[in-house]
Amino acid sequence: MGRQDRNINDRWRRCTRALKSDEQQYGRRFLKVLELDRDRNLQGIDDPLEKAIFLALIGLLKELDGSGLLLPPSFQGSTDWFHCPV
C-alpha cells in the first residue's frame, strides 16, 4: 500500500469517527473492505482514490450478492441476470 493510499484511509478513518454513532458501523465496514484488499495490485489504476472507490464498490456488490439482494435466488449463478425482471 502506497503512502497516498494510507493518507486516504487515515482521513476516511477520522471521518468515520466524526459520523453519527449509528452511522459509524458503515464507515468501519467500508474501511474493512479497503483494508482487506489494500495490497491488491490493480493493473491500470494508479490513482489511490480511484482504487479505493473501485474496491469499495466491489466489496459492496459482493455483500449484496451474498445477501440475495442483488439478484433473486432464481438468477444467482445465471449469466442472464441483465434481463432480470424487476
PDB file of N, CA and C in Angstrom:
ATOM      1  N   MET A   1       0.856  -1.173   0.000  1.00  0.00           N
ATOM      2  CA  MET A   1       0.000   0.000   0.000  1.00  0.00           C
ATOM      3  C   MET A   1       0.891   1.221   0.000  1.00  0.00           C
ATOM      4  N   GLY A   2       0.621   2.130  -0.900  1.00  0.00           N
ATOM      5  CA  GLY A   2       1.427   3.328  -1.020  1.00  0.00           C
ATOM      6  C   GLY A   2       1.081   4.373   0.027  1.00  0.00           C
ATOM      7  N   ARG A   3       1.922   5.382   0.086  1.00  0.00           N
ATOM      8  CA  ARG A   3       1.745   6.455   1.061  1.00  0.00           C
ATOM      9  C   ARG A   3       0.420   7.183   0.858  1.00  0.00           C
ATOM     10  N   GLN A   4       0.068   7.434  -0.417  1.00  0.00           N
ATOM     11  CA  GLN A   4      -1.193   8.124  -0.697  1.00  0.00           C
ATOM     12  C   GLN A   4      -2.383   7.279  -0.267  1.00  0.00           C
ATOM     13  N   ASP A   5      -2.292   5.963  -0.465  1.00  0.00           N
ATOM     14  CA  ASP A   5      -3.375   5.078  -0.032  1.00  0.00           C
ATOM     15  C   ASP A   5      -3.580   5.187   1.473  1.00  0.00           C
ATOM     16  N   ARG A   6      -2.478   5.197   2.214  1.00  0.00           N
ATOM     17  CA  ARG A   6      -2.564   5.293   3.677  1.00  0.00           C
ATOM     18  C   ARG A   6      -3.173   6.630   4.095  1.00  0.00           C
ATOM     19  N   ASN A   7      -2.800   7.711   3.388  1.00  0.00           N
ATOM     20  CA  ASN A   7      -3.346   9.027   3.730  1.00  0.00           C
ATOM     21  C   ASN A   7      -4.857   9.053   3.536  1.00  0.00           C
ATOM     22  N   ILE A   8      -5.325   8.477   2.446  1.00  0.00           N
ATOM     23  CA  ILE A   8      -6.767   8.438   2.189  1.00  0.00           C
ATOM     24  C   ILE A   8      -7.458   7.600   3.258  1.00  0.00           C
ATOM     25  N   ASN A   9      -6.917   6.426   3.556  1.00  0.00           N
ATOM     26  CA  ASN A   9      -7.515   5.571   4.591  1.00  0.00           C
ATOM     27  C   ASN A   9      -7.524   6.259   5.947  1.00  0.00           C
ATOM     28  N   ASP A  10      -6.444   6.974   6.277  1.00  0.00           N
ATOM     29  CA  ASP A  10      -6.387   7.699   7.553  1.00  0.00           C
ATOM     30  C   ASP A  10      -7.456   8.786   7.615  1.00  0.00           C
ATOM     31  N   ARG A  11      -7.618   9.523   6.527  1.00  0.00           N
ATOM     32  CA  ARG A  11      -8.642  10.571   6.502  1.00  0.00           C
ATOM     33  C   ARG A  11     -10.036   9.958   6.629  1.00  0.00           C
ATOM     34  N   TRP A  12     -10.289   8.863   5.915  1.00  0.00           N
ATOM     35  CA  TRP A  12     -11.606   8.238   5.976  1.00  0.00           C
ATOM     36  C   TRP A  12     -11.854   7.617   7.348  1.00  0.00           C
ATOM     37  N   ARG A  13     -10.799   7.164   8.011  1.00  0.00           N
ATOM     38  CA  ARG A  13     -10.945   6.633   9.371  1.00  0.00           C
ATOM     39  C   ARG A  13     -11.364   7.757  10.314  1.00  0.00           C
ATOM     40  N   ARG A  14     -10.734   8.925  10.173  1.00  0.00           N
ATOM     41  CA  ARG A  14     -11.109  10.074  11.005  1.00  0.00           C
ATOM     42  C   ARG A  14     -12.546  10.514  10.704  1.00  0.00           C
ATOM     43  N   CYS A  15     -12.913  10.514   9.453  1.00  0.00           N
ATOM     44  CA  CYS A  15     -14.280  10.886   9.065  1.00  0.00           C
ATOM     45  C   CYS A  15     -15.289   9.903   9.646  1.00  0.00           C
ATOM     46  N   THR A  16     -14.928   8.638   9.710  1.00  0.00           N
ATOM     47  CA  THR A  16     -15.816   7.627  10.287  1.00  0.00           C
ATOM     48  C   THR A  16     -16.094   7.944  11.748  1.00  0.00           C
ATOM     49  N   ARG A  17     -15.071   8.352  12.466  1.00  0.00           N
ATOM     50  CA  ARG A  17     -15.269   8.696  13.881  1.00  0.00           C
ATOM     51  C   ARG A  17     -16.154   9.926  14.040  1.00  0.00           C
ATOM     52  N   ALA A  18     -16.182  10.791  13.019  1.00  0.00           N
ATOM     53  CA  ALA A  18     -16.993  12.011  13.086  1.00  0.00           C
ATOM     54  C   ALA A  18     -18.449  11.772  12.697  1.00  0.00           C
ATOM     55  N   LEU A  19     -18.754  10.601  12.163  1.00  0.00           N
ATOM     56  CA  LEU A  19     -20.132  10.282  11.792  1.00  0.00           C
ATOM     57  C   LEU A  19     -21.003  10.124  13.036  1.00  0.00           C
ATOM     58  N   LYS A  20     -22.307  10.196  12.835  1.00  0.00           N
ATOM     59  CA  LYS A  20     -23.233   9.911  13.935  1.00  0.00           C
ATOM     60  C   LYS A  20     -22.982   8.484  14.394  1.00  0.00           C
ATOM     61  N   SER A  21     -23.234   8.232  15.662  1.00  0.00           N
ATOM     62  CA  SER A  21     -22.893   6.926  16.232  1.00  0.00           C
ATOM     63  C   SER A  21     -23.553   5.761  15.486  1.00  0.00           C
ATOM     64  N   ASP A  22     -24.780   5.938  15.000  1.00  0.00           N
ATOM     65  CA  ASP A  22     -25.447   4.845  14.295  1.00  0.00           C
ATOM     66  C   ASP A  22     -24.939   4.674  12.865  1.00  0.00           C
ATOM     67  N   GLU A  23     -24.167   5.638  12.356  1.00  0.00           N
ATOM     68  CA  GLU A  23     -23.599   5.540  11.008  1.00  0.00           C
ATOM     69  C   GLU A  23     -22.150   5.043  11.014  1.00  0.00           C
ATOM     70  N   GLN A  24     -21.509   5.062  12.168  1.00  0.00           N
ATOM     71  CA  GLN A  24     -20.101   4.674  12.251  1.00  0.00           C
ATOM     72  C   GLN A  24     -19.862   3.234  11.836  1.00  0.00           C
ATOM     73  N   GLN A  25     -20.826   2.353  12.088  1.00  0.00           N
ATOM     74  CA  GLN A  25     -20.662   0.952  11.697  1.00  0.00           C
ATOM     75  C   GLN A  25     -20.455   0.826  10.192  1.00  0.00           C
ATOM     76  N   TYR A  26     -21.106   1.684   9.405  1.00  0.00           N
ATOM     77  CA  TYR A  26     -20.969   1.623   7.957  1.00  0.00           C
ATOM     78  C   TYR A  26     -19.602   2.135   7.517  1.00  0.00           C
ATOM     79  N   GLY A  27     -19.132   3.155   8.181  1.00  0.00           N
ATOM     80  CA  GLY A  27     -17.785   3.644   7.898  1.00  0.00           C
ATOM     81  C   GLY A  27     -16.737   2.587   8.210  1.00  0.00           C
ATOM     82  N   ARG A  28     -16.911   1.881   9.320  1.00  0.00           N
ATOM     83  CA  ARG A  28     -15.959   0.817   9.679  1.00  0.00           C
ATOM     84  C   ARG A  28     -16.006  -0.330   8.680  1.00  0.00           C
ATOM     85  N   ARG A  29     -17.208  -0.683   8.228  1.00  0.00           N
ATOM     86  CA  ARG A  29     -17.326  -1.758   7.230  1.00  0.00           C
ATOM     87  C   ARG A  29     -16.657  -1.349   5.921  1.00  0.00           C
ATOM     88  N   PHE A  30     -16.843  -0.110   5.527  1.00  0.00           N
ATOM     89  CA  PHE A  30     -16.220   0.413   4.322  1.00  0.00           C
ATOM     90  C   PHE A  30     -14.697   0.335   4.429  1.00  0.00           C
ATOM     91  N   LEU A  31     -14.161   0.780   5.555  1.00  0.00           N
ATOM     92  CA  LEU A  31     -12.714   0.736   5.766  1.00  0.00           C
ATOM     93  C   LEU A  31     -12.202  -0.698   5.793  1.00  0.00           C
ATOM     94  N   LYS A  32     -12.981  -1.613   6.339  1.00  0.00           N
ATOM     95  CA  LYS A  32     -12.564  -3.014   6.388  1.00  0.00           C
ATOM     96  C   LYS A  32     -12.411  -3.580   4.981  1.00  0.00           C
ATOM     97  N   VAL A  33     -13.337  -3.236   4.095  1.00  0.00           N
ATOM     98  CA  VAL A  33     -13.240  -3.686   2.702  1.00  0.00           C
ATOM     99  C   VAL A  33     -11.936  -3.185   2.089  1.00  0.00           C
ATOM    100  N   LEU A  34     -11.622  -1.928   2.326  1.00  0.00           N
ATOM    101  CA  LEU A  34     -10.395  -1.362   1.759  1.00  0.00           C
ATOM    102  C   LEU A  34      -9.153  -2.011   2.352  1.00  0.00           C
ATOM    103  N   GLU A  35      -9.174  -2.306   3.633  1.00  0.00           N
ATOM    104  CA  GLU A  35      -8.007  -2.901   4.277  1.00  0.00           C
ATOM    105  C   GLU A  35      -7.786  -4.338   3.820  1.00  0.00           C
ATOM    106  N   LEU A  36      -8.864  -5.062   3.550  1.00  0.00           N
ATOM    107  CA  LEU A  36      -8.718  -6.447   3.092  1.00  0.00           C
ATOM    108  C   LEU A  36      -8.027  -6.516   1.733  1.00  0.00           C
ATOM    109  N   ASP A  37      -8.267  -5.523   0.896  1.00  0.00           N
ATOM    110  CA  ASP A  37      -7.739  -5.539  -0.465  1.00  0.00           C
ATOM    111  C   ASP A  37      -6.633  -4.510  -0.685  1.00  0.00           C
ATOM    112  N   ARG A  38      -6.069  -3.955   0.372  1.00  0.00           N
ATOM    113  CA  ARG A  38      -5.130  -2.844   0.214  1.00  0.00           C
ATOM    114  C   ARG A  38      -3.867  -3.211  -0.553  1.00  0.00           C
ATOM    115  N   ASP A  39      -3.461  -4.465  -0.499  1.00  0.00           N
ATOM    116  CA  ASP A  39      -2.228  -4.863  -1.171  1.00  0.00           C
ATOM    117  C   ASP A  39      -2.477  -5.395  -2.580  1.00  0.00           C
ATOM    118  N   ARG A  40      -3.720  -5.404  -2.985  1.00  0.00           N
ATOM    119  CA  ARG A  40      -4.048  -5.895  -4.326  1.00  0.00           C
ATOM    120  C   ARG A  40      -3.492  -4.925  -5.363  1.00  0.00           C
ATOM    121  N   ASN A  41      -2.789  -5.481  -6.327  1.00  0.00           N
ATOM    122  CA  ASN A  41      -2.230  -4.674  -7.403  1.00  0.00           C
ATOM    123  C   ASN A  41      -3.232  -4.650  -8.554  1.00  0.00           C
ATOM    124  N   LEU A  42      -3.859  -3.524  -8.754  1.00  0.00           N
ATOM    125  CA  LEU A  42      -4.848  -3.404  -9.823  1.00  0.00           C
ATOM    126  C   LEU A  42      -4.188  -2.755 -11.030  1.00  0.00           C
ATOM    127  N   GLN A  43      -4.046  -3.514 -12.084  1.00  0.00           N
ATOM    128  CA  GLN A  43      -3.425  -3.014 -13.303  1.00  0.00           C
ATOM    129  C   GLN A  43      -4.252  -1.867 -13.862  1.00  0.00           C
ATOM    130  N   GLY A  44      -3.588  -0.791 -14.200  1.00  0.00           N
ATOM    131  CA  GLY A  44      -4.251   0.324 -14.855  1.00  0.00           C
ATOM    132  C   GLY A  44      -4.857   1.348 -13.913  1.00  0.00           C
ATOM    133  N   ILE A  45      -4.845   1.103 -12.616  1.00  0.00           N
ATOM    134  CA  ILE A  45      -5.365   2.092 -11.666  1.00  0.00           C
ATOM    135  C   ILE A  45      -4.209   2.578 -10.805  1.00  0.00           C
ATOM    136  N   ASP A  46      -3.751   3.781 -11.117  1.00  0.00           N
ATOM    137  CA  ASP A  46      -2.646   4.369 -10.366  1.00  0.00           C
ATOM    138  C   ASP A  46      -3.123   5.361  -9.300  1.00  0.00           C
ATOM    139  N   ASP A  47      -4.307   5.882  -9.476  1.00  0.00           N
ATOM    140  CA  ASP A  47      -4.862   6.864  -8.551  1.00  0.00           C
ATOM    141  C   ASP A  47      -5.384   6.144  -7.310  1.00  0.00           C
ATOM    142  N   PRO A  48      -4.862   6.460  -6.118  1.00  0.00           N
ATOM    143  CA  PRO A  48      -5.289   5.752  -4.906  1.00  0.00           C
ATOM    144  C   PRO A  48      -6.765   5.962  -4.573  1.00  0.00           C
ATOM    145  N   LEU A  49      -7.310   7.124  -4.904  1.00  0.00           N
ATOM    146  CA  LEU A  49      -8.726   7.363  -4.643  1.00  0.00           C
ATOM    147  C   LEU A  49      -9.590   6.512  -5.562  1.00  0.00           C
ATOM    148  N   GLU A  50      -9.215   6.446  -6.827  1.00  0.00           N
ATOM    149  CA  GLU A  50      -9.952   5.612  -7.774  1.00  0.00           C
ATOM    150  C   GLU A  50      -9.887   4.145  -7.354  1.00  0.00           C
ATOM    151  N   LYS A  51      -8.715   3.700  -6.908  1.00  0.00           N
ATOM    152  CA  LYS A  51      -8.551   2.319  -6.452  1.00  0.00           C
ATOM    153  C   LYS A  51      -9.444   2.040  -5.240  1.00  0.00           C
ATOM    154  N   ALA A  52      -9.472   2.975  -4.297  1.00  0.00           N
ATOM    155  CA  ALA A  52     -10.274   2.789  -3.087  1.00  0.00           C
ATOM    156  C   ALA A  52     -11.758   2.712  -3.423  1.00  0.00           C
ATOM    157  N   ILE A  53     -12.211   3.580  -4.304  1.00  0.00           N
ATOM    158  CA  ILE A  53     -13.627   3.572  -4.684  1.00  0.00           C
ATOM    159  C   ILE A  53     -13.973   2.288  -5.426  1.00  0.00           C
ATOM    160  N   PHE A  54     -13.105   1.874  -6.335  1.00  0.00           N
ATOM    161  CA  PHE A  54     -13.334   0.638  -7.084  1.00  0.00           C
ATOM    162  C   PHE A  54     -13.441  -0.555  -6.139  1.00  0.00           C
ATOM    163  N   LEU A  55     -12.490  -0.673  -5.214  1.00  0.00           N
ATOM    164  CA  LEU A  55     -12.505  -1.787  -4.270  1.00  0.00           C
ATOM    165  C   LEU A  55     -13.728  -1.737  -3.354  1.00  0.00           C
ATOM    166  N   ALA A  56     -14.133  -0.527  -2.957  1.00  0.00           N
ATOM    167  CA  ALA A  56     -15.307  -0.384  -2.101  1.00  0.00           C
ATOM    168  C   ALA A  56     -16.569  -0.821  -2.841  1.00  0.00           C
ATOM    169  N   LEU A  57     -16.665  -0.458  -4.104  1.00  0.00           N
ATOM    170  CA  LEU A  57     -17.838  -0.858  -4.881  1.00  0.00           C
ATOM    171  C   LEU A  57     -17.864  -2.370  -5.109  1.00  0.00           C
ATOM    172  N   ILE A  58     -16.701  -2.961  -5.356  1.00  0.00           N
ATOM    173  CA  ILE A  58     -16.635  -4.421  -5.497  1.00  0.00           C
ATOM    174  C   ILE A  58     -17.071  -5.081  -4.192  1.00  0.00           C
ATOM    175  N   GLY A  59     -16.586  -4.559  -3.074  1.00  0.00           N
ATOM    176  CA  GLY A  59     -16.981  -5.102  -1.773  1.00  0.00           C
ATOM    177  C   GLY A  59     -18.477  -4.981  -1.529  1.00  0.00           C
ATOM    178  N   LEU A  60     -19.059  -3.854  -1.931  1.00  0.00           N
ATOM    179  CA  LEU A  60     -20.491  -3.657  -1.774  1.00  0.00           C
ATOM    180  C   LEU A  60     -21.276  -4.652  -2.625  1.00  0.00           C
ATOM    181  N   LEU A  61     -20.849  -4.835  -3.856  1.00  0.00           N
ATOM    182  CA  LEU A  61     -21.532  -5.795  -4.728  1.00  0.00           C
ATOM    183  C   LEU A  61     -21.415  -7.224  -4.192  1.00  0.00           C
ATOM    184  N   LYS A  62     -20.245  -7.575  -3.660  1.00  0.00           N
ATOM    185  CA  LYS A  62     -20.070  -8.909  -3.075  1.00  0.00           C
ATOM    186  C   LYS A  62     -21.033  -9.098  -1.905  1.00  0.00           C
ATOM    187  N   GLU A  63     -21.146  -8.055  -1.079  1.00  0.00           N
ATOM    188  CA  GLU A  63     -22.023  -8.138   0.085  1.00  0.00           C
ATOM    189  C   GLU A  63     -23.482  -8.260  -0.348  1.00  0.00           C
ATOM    190  N   LEU A  64     -23.882  -7.474  -1.335  1.00  0.00           N
ATOM    191  CA  LEU A  64     -25.249  -7.547  -1.834  1.00  0.00           C
ATOM    192  C   LEU A  64     -25.526  -8.897  -2.491  1.00  0.00           C
ATOM    193  N   ASP A  65     -24.572  -9.386  -3.249  1.00  0.00           N
ATOM    194  CA  ASP A  65     -24.739 -10.660  -3.928  1.00  0.00           C
ATOM    195  C   ASP A  65     -24.878 -11.799  -2.914  1.00  0.00           C
ATOM    196  N   GLY A  66     -24.082 -11.766  -1.870  1.00  0.00           N
ATOM    197  CA  GLY A  66     -24.135 -12.801  -0.840  1.00  0.00           C
ATOM    198  C   GLY A  66     -25.425 -12.762  -0.038  1.00  0.00           C
ATOM    199  N   SER A  67     -26.064 -11.598   0.022  1.00  0.00           N
ATOM    200  CA  SER A  67     -27.298 -11.472   0.795  1.00  0.00           C
ATOM    201  C   SER A  67     -28.533 -11.825  -0.012  1.00  0.00           C
ATOM    202  N   GLY A  68     -28.354 -11.962  -1.321  1.00  0.00           N
ATOM    203  CA  GLY A  68     -29.500 -12.235  -2.179  1.00  0.00           C
ATOM    204  C   GLY A  68     -30.241 -10.982  -2.597  1.00  0.00           C
ATOM    205  N   LEU A  69     -29.779  -9.816  -2.148  1.00  0.00           N
ATOM    206  CA  LEU A  69     -30.452  -8.574  -2.502  1.00  0.00           C
ATOM    207  C   LEU A  69     -30.136  -8.124  -3.923  1.00  0.00           C
ATOM    208  N   LEU A  70     -28.963  -8.492  -4.410  1.00  0.00           N
ATOM    209  CA  LEU A  70     -28.564  -8.054  -5.742  1.00  0.00           C
ATOM    210  C   LEU A  70     -29.302  -8.817  -6.819  1.00  0.00           C
ATOM    211  N   LEU A  71     -29.380 -10.113  -6.672  1.00  0.00           N
ATOM    212  CA  LEU A  71     -30.065 -10.959  -7.649  1.00  0.00           C
ATOM    213  C   LEU A  71     -31.049 -11.866  -6.936  1.00  0.00           C
ATOM    214  N   PRO A  72     -32.221 -12.046  -7.492  1.00  0.00           N
ATOM    215  CA  PRO A  72     -33.140 -13.009  -6.890  1.00  0.00           C
ATOM    216  C   PRO A  72     -32.521 -14.413  -6.947  1.00  0.00           C
ATOM    217  N   PRO A  73     -32.870 -15.301  -6.020  1.00  0.00           N
ATOM    218  CA  PRO A  73     -32.281 -16.646  -5.983  1.00  0.00           C
ATOM    219  C   PRO A  73     -32.366 -17.382  -7.314  1.00  0.00           C
ATOM    220  N   SER A  74     -33.426 -17.163  -8.075  1.00  0.00           N
ATOM    221  CA  SER A  74     -33.576 -17.870  -9.344  1.00  0.00           C
ATOM    222  C   SER A  74     -32.537 -17.435 -10.378  1.00  0.00           C
ATOM    223  N   PHE A  75     -31.915 -16.272 -10.171  1.00  0.00           N
ATOM    224  CA  PHE A  75     -30.930 -15.781 -11.123  1.00  0.00           C
ATOM    225  C   PHE A  75     -29.498 -15.956 -10.634  1.00  0.00           C
ATOM    226  N   GLN A  76     -29.284 -16.339  -9.401  1.00  0.00           N
ATOM    227  CA  GLN A  76     -27.922 -16.482  -8.897  1.00  0.00           C
ATOM    228  C   GLN A  76     -27.225 -17.604  -9.633  1.00  0.00           C
ATOM    229  N   GLY A  77     -26.042 -17.329 -10.110  1.00  0.00           N
ATOM    230  CA  GLY A  77     -25.281 -18.285 -10.890  1.00  0.00           C
ATOM    231  C   GLY A  77     -25.635 -18.247 -12.362  1.00  0.00           C
ATOM    232  N   SER A  78     -26.630 -17.481 -12.720  1.00  0.00           N
ATOM    233  CA  SER A  78     -27.048 -17.375 -14.112  1.00  0.00           C
ATOM    234  C   SER A  78     -26.269 -16.274 -14.808  1.00  0.00           C
ATOM    235  N   THR A  79     -26.013 -16.455 -16.084  1.00  0.00           N
ATOM    236  CA  THR A  79     -25.352 -15.404 -16.859  1.00  0.00           C
ATOM    237  C   THR A  79     -26.381 -14.472 -17.489  1.00  0.00           C
ATOM    238  N   ASP A  80     -27.643 -14.731 -17.244  1.00  0.00           N
ATOM    239  CA  ASP A  80     -28.709 -13.941 -17.851  1.00  0.00           C
ATOM    240  C   ASP A  80     -29.300 -12.928 -16.864  1.00  0.00           C
ATOM    241  N   TRP A  81     -28.497 -12.464 -15.896  1.00  0.00           N
ATOM    242  CA  TRP A  81     -29.038 -11.603 -14.879  1.00  0.00           C
ATOM    243  C   TRP A  81     -29.313 -10.191 -15.353  1.00  0.00           C
ATOM    244  N   PHE A  82     -28.797  -9.802 -16.523  1.00  0.00           N
ATOM    245  CA  PHE A  82     -29.106  -8.473 -17.051  1.00  0.00           C
ATOM    246  C   PHE A  82     -30.572  -8.366 -17.435  1.00  0.00           C
ATOM    247  N   HIS A  83     -31.196  -9.493 -17.703  1.00  0.00           N
ATOM    248  CA  HIS A  83     -32.579  -9.499 -18.134  1.00  0.00           C
ATOM    249  C   HIS A  83     -33.520  -9.853 -16.981  1.00  0.00           C
ATOM    250  N   CYS A  84     -33.055  -9.656 -15.783  1.00  0.00           N
ATOM    251  CA  CYS A  84     -33.841  -9.970 -14.596  1.00  0.00           C
ATOM    252  C   CYS A  84     -35.058  -9.048 -14.514  1.00  0.00           C
ATOM    253  N   PRO A  85     -36.275  -9.609 -14.444  1.00  0.00           N
ATOM    254  CA  PRO A  85     -37.448  -8.752 -14.318  1.00  0.00           C
ATOM    255  C   PRO A  85     -37.465  -8.076 -12.957  1.00  0.00           C
ATOM    256  N   VAL A  86     -37.801  -6.835 -12.943  1.00  0.00           N
ATOM    257  CA  VAL A  86     -37.800  -6.057 -11.688  1.00  0.00           C
ATOM    258  C   VAL A  86     -39.187  -5.973 -11.123  1.00  0.00           C
TER     259      VAL A  86
END
